Amino acid sequence: MVRIGLALAFSTMTLAACGLRGDLERPVPLFGNPPNEGPSDPRTIKAAEEAAKAEKERQDAERRAQEAQPATPTPATPQ
C-alpha cells in the first residue's frame, strides 16, 4: 500500500512539473467563428501585426523610390 501511495505521489509531481511555463495564450479555434474578445484576441493581434508590417513595407518602398530618383538641379532664374 505504501508503494502504491509513493508511486501515485511521484507520478502526480512528475505530471505537475511538465507543463508550460509563463503566460499561456489561447489558441485559435479549430472550427467556428467565436466573437472577438478585444485587444487580447489572437486574431486581433495577428491583424495588427500584419497591418504594421504592410505599413512598414509601404514606407520602405516609398523611401527607396525617393532615393532612386536622380537629383534634378533647380533652374537658374535669369537676371
Protein backbone atom coordinates (compact mmCIF):
# COMPACT_ATOMS: atom_id res chain seq x y z
CA MET A 1 0.00 0.00 0.00
CA VAL A 2 2.88 2.33 0.79
CA ARG A 3 4.43 1.62 -2.60
CA ILE A 4 1.19 2.49 -4.38
CA GLY A 5 0.93 5.74 -2.43
CA LEU A 6 4.54 6.66 -3.21
CA ALA A 7 4.08 5.80 -6.89
CA LEU A 8 0.92 7.90 -7.03
CA ALA A 9 2.63 10.85 -5.31
CA PHE A 10 5.65 10.59 -7.62
CA SER A 11 3.52 10.43 -10.76
CA THR A 12 1.47 13.43 -9.59
CA MET A 13 4.63 15.50 -9.01
CA THR A 14 6.03 14.43 -12.37
CA LEU A 15 2.88 15.46 -14.21
CA ALA A 16 2.74 18.79 -12.38
CA ALA A 17 6.31 19.61 -13.40
CA CYS A 18 5.92 19.01 -17.15
CA GLY A 19 3.57 21.87 -18.05
CA LEU A 20 4.19 25.06 -19.99
CA ARG A 21 5.77 27.94 -18.16
CA GLY A 22 4.91 31.62 -18.46
CA ASP A 23 1.83 33.23 -19.92
CA LEU A 24 -0.49 30.86 -21.70
CA GLU A 25 -2.04 32.06 -24.94
CA ARG A 26 -5.43 30.86 -26.06
CA PRO A 27 -5.14 29.06 -29.41
CA VAL A 28 -7.26 29.95 -32.41
CA PRO A 29 -10.36 27.70 -32.55
CA LEU A 30 -10.27 24.73 -34.88
CA PHE A 31 -13.74 25.42 -36.29
CA GLY A 32 -16.43 28.07 -35.99
CA ASN A 33 -16.01 31.79 -35.57
CA PRO A 34 -16.33 32.86 -31.93
CA PRO A 35 -16.84 36.54 -31.10
CA ASN A 36 -13.78 38.76 -30.98
CA GLU A 37 -12.52 39.22 -27.42
CA GLY A 38 -10.91 42.61 -27.96
CA PRO A 39 -7.21 43.52 -27.97
CA SER A 40 -6.10 40.23 -26.39
CA ASP A 41 -7.78 38.09 -29.06
CA PRO A 42 -5.17 36.25 -31.20
CA ARG A 43 -6.97 37.29 -34.40
CA THR A 44 -6.83 40.96 -33.42
CA ILE A 45 -3.13 40.72 -32.56
CA LYS A 46 -2.36 38.99 -35.86
CA ALA A 47 -4.32 41.59 -37.87
CA ALA A 48 -2.49 44.44 -36.10
CA GLU A 49 0.90 42.82 -36.78
CA GLU A 50 0.04 42.32 -40.46
CA ALA A 51 -1.14 45.94 -40.78
CA ALA A 52 2.06 47.22 -39.16
CA LYS A 53 4.17 45.04 -41.46
CA ALA A 54 2.31 46.27 -44.55
CA GLU A 55 2.73 49.90 -43.46
CA LYS A 56 6.46 49.40 -42.86
CA GLU A 57 6.87 47.79 -46.29
CA ARG A 58 4.98 50.68 -47.89
CA GLN A 59 7.19 53.24 -46.15
CA ASP A 60 10.35 51.35 -47.12
CA ALA A 61 9.23 51.18 -50.77
CA GLU A 62 8.42 54.90 -50.74
CA ARG A 63 11.83 55.73 -49.23
CA ARG A 64 13.64 53.56 -51.82
CA ALA A 65 11.72 55.26 -54.63
CA GLN A 66 12.74 58.67 -53.35
CA GLU A 67 16.37 57.60 -53.06
CA ALA A 68 16.33 56.15 -56.58
CA GLN A 69 15.16 59.40 -58.19
CA PRO A 70 18.06 61.41 -59.59
CA ALA A 71 18.56 64.80 -58.03
CA THR A 72 17.29 67.39 -60.54
CA PRO A 73 19.04 70.75 -60.35
CA THR A 74 16.82 73.76 -59.88
CA PRO A 75 16.77 76.01 -62.96
CA ALA A 76 18.60 79.27 -62.57
CA THR A 77 16.49 82.39 -62.85
CA PRO A 78 17.74 84.95 -65.41
CA GLN A 79 18.79 88.29 -64.01
